[in-house]
Amino acid sequence: MQISNIQSGQNSAVYGVRLVSDISEKEPEKVEGSGERSHGRDEYIPSEKDEPIGLYALSQDDEGDPKIYHDSPEKSESCTGNTDKVDREIERLRKRAEQIEQRLASAEGKERERLEQQLKSVQTELSQKDNDNYRRQHTMFS
């Protein structure tokens, strides 16, 4: 690429830009094999749509709201979360706490103190496990 007619104040030297007057002075180049003259400009030639590669794109739905589209939704994988194991564990702790409370109502002396201590530990464990954070951490995905 030639750089000519560099004038002060222009960025043509930095970016390698030729002035329009320089382009028009030269004879237009011929495109190989076509016999037509090229005007030295790029031309957009549409090509066939490429095969989807699994990218996501931000677009708008029919109502104009933003929506994320996947270029190949039929090939995308789905994942299912299952919290049944955690739910069973929490339900087991609740039943155990209920049984201890029933036995505590009729107990006396050292047996009562032991049951109160067991109830306290079961309630502590239940409070640690009966929340969304624990469920998220122990969700099984398939």
C-alpha atoms as a PDB file:
ATOM      1  CA  MET A   1       0.000   0.000   0.000  1.00  0.00           C
ATOM      2  CA  GLN A   2       1.413   3.388  -0.916  1.00  0.00           C
ATOM      3  CA  ILE A   3       1.120   6.470   1.203  1.00  0.00           C
ATOM      4  CA  SER A   4       1.274   9.706  -0.704  1.00  0.00           C
ATOM      5  CA  ASN A   5       0.254  13.323  -0.306  1.00  0.00           C
ATOM      6  CA  ILE A   6       0.675  13.283   3.449  1.00  0.00           C
ATOM      7  CA  GLN A   7      -0.596  16.543   4.835  1.00  0.00           C
ATOM      8  CA  SER A   8      -0.199  17.835   8.355  1.00  0.00           C
ATOM      9  CA  GLY A   9      -3.151  17.229  10.631  1.00  0.00           C
ATOM     10  CA  GLN A  10      -4.236  14.022   8.890  1.00  0.00           C
ATOM     11  CA  ASN A  11      -3.814  10.543  10.269  1.00  0.00           C
ATOM     12  CA  SER A  12      -3.102   9.042   6.870  1.00  0.00           C
ATOM     13  CA  ALA A  13       0.541   8.256   7.708  1.00  0.00           C
ATOM     14  CA  VAL A  14      -0.403   6.464  10.886  1.00  0.00           C
ATOM     15  CA  TYR A  15      -3.196   4.345   9.433  1.00  0.00           C
ATOM     16  CA  GLY A  16      -1.906   3.876   5.882  1.00  0.00           C
ATOM     17  CA  VAL A  17      -4.902   5.631   4.321  1.00  0.00           C
ATOM     18  CA  ARG A  18      -4.681   6.890   0.772  1.00  0.00           C
ATOM     19  CA  LEU A  19      -6.448  10.074  -0.165  1.00  0.00           C
ATOM     20  CA  VAL A  20      -9.451   9.804  -2.491  1.00  0.00           C
ATOM     21  CA  SER A  21      -7.704  11.965  -5.069  1.00  0.00           C
ATOM     22  CA  ASP A  22      -4.830   9.442  -5.241  1.00  0.00           C
ATOM     23  CA  ILE A  23      -7.221   6.577  -5.881  1.00  0.00           C
ATOM     24  CA  SER A  24      -9.073   8.371  -8.643  1.00  0.00           C
ATOM     25  CA  GLU A  25      -5.816   9.276 -10.463  1.00  0.00           C
ATOM     26  CA  LYS A  26      -4.880   5.641 -10.907  1.00  0.00           C
ATOM     27  CA  GLU A  27      -6.520   3.365 -13.366  1.00  0.00           C
ATOM     28  CA  PRO A  28      -9.059   1.075 -11.692  1.00  0.00           C
ATOM     29  CA  GLU A  29      -7.788  -2.451 -11.142  1.00  0.00           C
ATOM     30  CA  LYS A  30      -9.372  -5.339 -12.961  1.00  0.00           C
ATOM     31  CA  VAL A  31     -10.915  -8.203 -11.091  1.00  0.00           C
ATOM     32  CA  GLU A  32      -9.303 -11.464 -12.114  1.00  0.00           C
ATOM     33  CA  GLY A  33     -11.435 -13.604 -14.376  1.00  0.00           C
ATOM     34  CA  SER A  34     -14.466 -11.317 -14.514  1.00  0.00           C
ATOM     35  CA  GLY A  35     -13.462  -8.725 -17.080  1.00  0.00           C
ATOM     36  CA  GLU A  36     -15.140  -6.034 -14.947  1.00  0.00           C
ATOM     37  CA  ARG A  37     -13.358  -3.136 -13.361  1.00  0.00           C
ATOM     38  CA  SER A  38     -13.168  -2.931  -9.603  1.00  0.00           C
ATOM     39  CA  HIS A  39     -13.656   0.388  -7.912  1.00  0.00           C
ATOM     40  CA  GLY A  40     -11.296  -0.503  -5.062  1.00  0.00           C
ATOM     41  CA  ARG A  41     -14.125  -1.082  -2.613  1.00  0.00           C
ATOM     42  CA  ASP A  42     -15.166  -4.075  -0.605  1.00  0.00           C
ATOM     43  CA  GLU A  43     -18.317  -5.819  -1.612  1.00  0.00           C
ATOM     44  CA  TYR A  44     -20.587  -7.943   0.563  1.00  0.00           C
ATOM     45  CA  ILE A  45     -21.241 -11.332  -0.919  1.00  0.00           C
ATOM     46  CA  PRO A  46     -23.838 -13.217   1.110  1.00  0.00           C
ATOM     47  CA  SER A  47     -22.967 -16.806   1.866  1.00  0.00           C
ATOM     48  CA  GLU A  48     -25.018 -19.745   3.017  1.00  0.00           C
ATOM     49  CA  LYS A  49     -25.930 -19.839   6.686  1.00  0.00           C
ATOM     50  CA  ASP A  50     -23.268 -21.616   8.702  1.00  0.00           C
ATOM     51  CA  GLU A  51     -24.046 -24.704  10.729  1.00  0.00           C
ATOM     52  CA  PRO A  52     -25.088 -23.776  14.292  1.00  0.00           C
ATOM     53  CA  ILE A  53     -22.261 -24.095  16.801  1.00  0.00           C
ATOM     54  CA  GLY A  54     -24.194 -23.732  20.038  1.00  0.00           C
ATOM     55  CA  LEU A  55     -23.909 -20.038  20.799  1.00  0.00           C
ATOM     56  CA  TYR A  56     -26.293 -17.889  22.771  1.00  0.00           C
ATOM     57  CA  ALA A  57     -27.524 -14.538  21.462  1.00  0.00           C
ATOM     58  CA  LEU A  58     -29.452 -11.691  23.040  1.00  0.00           C
ATOM     59  CA  SER A  59     -32.506 -10.761  21.006  1.00  0.00           C
ATOM     60  CA  GLN A  60     -36.073  -9.568  21.468  1.00  0.00           C
ATOM     61  CA  ASP A  61     -39.245 -11.610  21.611  1.00  0.00           C
ATOM     62  CA  ASP A  62     -42.547 -10.732  19.901  1.00  0.00           C
ATOM     63  CA  GLU A  63     -43.432  -8.190  22.585  1.00  0.00           C
ATOM     64  CA  GLY A  64     -40.045  -6.439  22.410  1.00  0.00           C
ATOM     65  CA  ASP A  65     -38.755  -7.830  25.707  1.00  0.00           C
ATOM     66  CA  PRO A  66     -35.121  -8.996  25.831  1.00  0.00           C
ATOM     67  CA  LYS A  67     -34.688 -12.742  25.530  1.00  0.00           C
ATOM     68  CA  ILE A  68     -31.726 -15.086  25.208  1.00  0.00           C
ATOM     69  CA  TYR A  69     -31.843 -17.417  22.227  1.00  0.00           C
ATOM     70  CA  HIS A  70     -29.705 -20.467  21.557  1.00  0.00           C
ATOM     71  CA  ASP A  71     -28.779 -20.992  17.912  1.00  0.00           C
ATOM     72  CA  SER A  72     -29.332 -24.737  18.173  1.00  0.00           C
ATOM     73  CA  PRO A  73     -31.939 -25.447  20.867  1.00  0.00           C
ATOM     74  CA  GLU A  74     -32.688 -28.948  19.618  1.00  0.00           C
ATOM     75  CA  LYS A  75     -29.106 -29.973  20.408  1.00  0.00           C
ATOM     76  CA  SER A  76     -28.894 -28.306  23.821  1.00  0.00           C
ATOM     77  CA  GLU A  77     -28.753 -30.516  26.859  1.00  0.00           C
ATOM     78  CA  SER A  78     -31.169 -30.266  29.734  1.00  0.00           C
ATOM     79  CA  CYS A  79     -30.330 -30.830  33.355  1.00  0.00           C
ATOM     80  CA  THR A  80     -32.754 -31.768  36.111  1.00  0.00           C
ATOM     81  CA  GLY A  81     -32.211 -31.054  39.786  1.00  0.00           C
ATOM     82  CA  ASN A  82     -33.532 -33.501  42.368  1.00  0.00           C
ATOM     83  CA  THR A  83     -33.891 -32.628  46.077  1.00  0.00           C
ATOM     84  CA  ASP A  84     -35.798 -35.770  47.091  1.00  0.00           C
ATOM     85  CA  LYS A  85     -32.925 -37.120  49.187  1.00  0.00           C
ATOM     86  CA  VAL A  86     -32.660 -33.868  51.163  1.00  0.00           C
ATOM     87  CA  ASP A  87     -36.432 -33.698  51.586  1.00  0.00           C
ATOM     88  CA  ARG A  88     -36.512 -37.254  52.966  1.00  0.00           C
ATOM     89  CA  GLU A  89     -33.687 -36.438  55.378  1.00  0.00           C
ATOM     90  CA  ILE A  90     -35.491 -33.343  56.669  1.00  0.00           C
ATOM     91  CA  GLU A  91     -38.770 -35.234  57.017  1.00  0.00           C
ATOM     92  CA  ARG A  92     -36.962 -37.974  58.978  1.00  0.00           C
ATOM     93  CA  LEU A  93     -35.536 -35.358  61.368  1.00  0.00           C
ATOM     94  CA  ARG A  94     -38.973 -33.797  61.870  1.00  0.00           C
ATOM     95  CA  LYS A  95     -40.527 -37.176  62.725  1.00  0.00           C
ATOM     96  CA  ARG A  96     -37.696 -37.945  65.119  1.00  0.00           C
ATOM     97  CA  ALA A  97     -38.167 -34.573  66.858  1.00  0.00           C
ATOM     98  CA  GLU A  98     -41.900 -35.257  67.145  1.00  0.00           C
ATOM     99  CA  GLN A  99     -41.282 -38.716  68.654  1.00  0.00           C
ATOM    100  CA  ILE A 100     -38.819 -37.302  71.188  1.00  0.00           C
ATOM    101  CA  GLU A 101     -41.348 -34.603  72.182  1.00  0.00           C
ATOM    102  CA  GLN A 102     -44.012 -37.275  72.744  1.00  0.00           C
ATOM    103  CA  ARG A 103     -41.670 -39.359  74.902  1.00  0.00           C
ATOM    104  CA  LEU A 104     -40.545 -36.203  76.732  1.00  0.00           C
ATOM    105  CA  ALA A 105     -44.110 -35.466  77.834  1.00  0.00           C
ATOM    106  CA  SER A 106     -44.262 -38.683  79.857  1.00  0.00           C
ATOM    107  CA  ALA A 107     -40.611 -38.883  81.004  1.00  0.00           C
ATOM    108  CA  GLU A 108     -39.201 -37.893  84.393  1.00  0.00           C
ATOM    109  CA  GLY A 109     -35.781 -37.401  85.999  1.00  0.00           C
ATOM    110  CA  LYS A 110     -32.622 -38.316  84.140  1.00  0.00           C
ATOM    111  CA  GLU A 111     -34.608 -39.739  81.228  1.00  0.00           C
ATOM    112  CA  ARG A 112     -36.239 -36.312  80.737  1.00  0.00           C
ATOM    113  CA  GLU A 113     -32.843 -34.529  80.711  1.00  0.00           C
ATOM    114  CA  ARG A 114     -31.480 -37.031  78.181  1.00  0.00           C
ATOM    115  CA  LEU A 115     -34.540 -36.592  75.919  1.00  0.00           C
ATOM    116  CA  GLU A 116     -34.319 -32.773  76.170  1.00  0.00           C
ATOM    117  CA  GLN A 117     -30.690 -32.966  75.098  1.00  0.00           C
ATOM    118  CA  GLN A 118     -31.593 -35.264  72.167  1.00  0.00           C
ATOM    119  CA  LEU A 119     -34.440 -32.958  71.147  1.00  0.00           C
ATOM    120  CA  LYS A 120     -32.136 -29.955  71.257  1.00  0.00           C
ATOM    121  CA  SER A 121     -29.552 -31.682  69.029  1.00  0.00           C
ATOM    122  CA  VAL A 122     -32.230 -32.844  66.535  1.00  0.00           C
ATOM    123  CA  GLN A 123     -33.700 -29.316  66.363  1.00  0.00           C
ATOM    124  CA  THR A 124     -30.228 -27.858  65.787  1.00  0.00           C
ATOM    125  CA  GLU A 125     -29.569 -30.305  62.955  1.00  0.00           C
ATOM    126  CA  LEU A 126     -33.008 -29.610  61.501  1.00  0.00           C
ATOM    127  CA  SER A 127     -32.443 -25.843  61.548  1.00  0.00           C
ATOM    128  CA  GLN A 128     -29.118 -26.322  59.714  1.00  0.00           C
ATOM    129  CA  LYS A 129     -30.629 -28.529  57.014  1.00  0.00           C
ATOM    130  CA  ASP A 130     -34.113 -27.076  56.516  1.00  0.00           C
ATOM    131  CA  ASN A 131     -33.158 -24.097  54.336  1.00  0.00           C
ATOM    132  CA  ASP A 132     -32.712 -23.281  50.652  1.00  0.00           C
ATOM    133  CA  ASN A 133     -28.928 -23.009  50.837  1.00  0.00           C
ATOM    134  CA  TYR A 134     -28.573 -26.581  52.149  1.00  0.00           C
ATOM    135  CA  ARG A 135     -31.012 -27.827  49.495  1.00  0.00           C
ATOM    136  CA  ARG A 136     -29.022 -26.134  46.705  1.00  0.00           C
ATOM    137  CA  GLN A 137     -25.728 -27.572  47.955  1.00  0.00           C
ATOM    138  CA  HIS A 138     -27.105 -31.118  48.169  1.00  0.00           C
ATOM    139  CA  THR A 139     -29.210 -31.173  44.989  1.00  0.00           C
ATOM    140  CA  MET A 140     -28.511 -34.136  42.729  1.00  0.00           C
ATOM    141  CA  PHE A 141     -28.324 -33.226  39.030  1.00  0.00           C
ATOM    142  CA  SER A 142     -28.959 -35.666  36.212  1.00  0.00           C
END
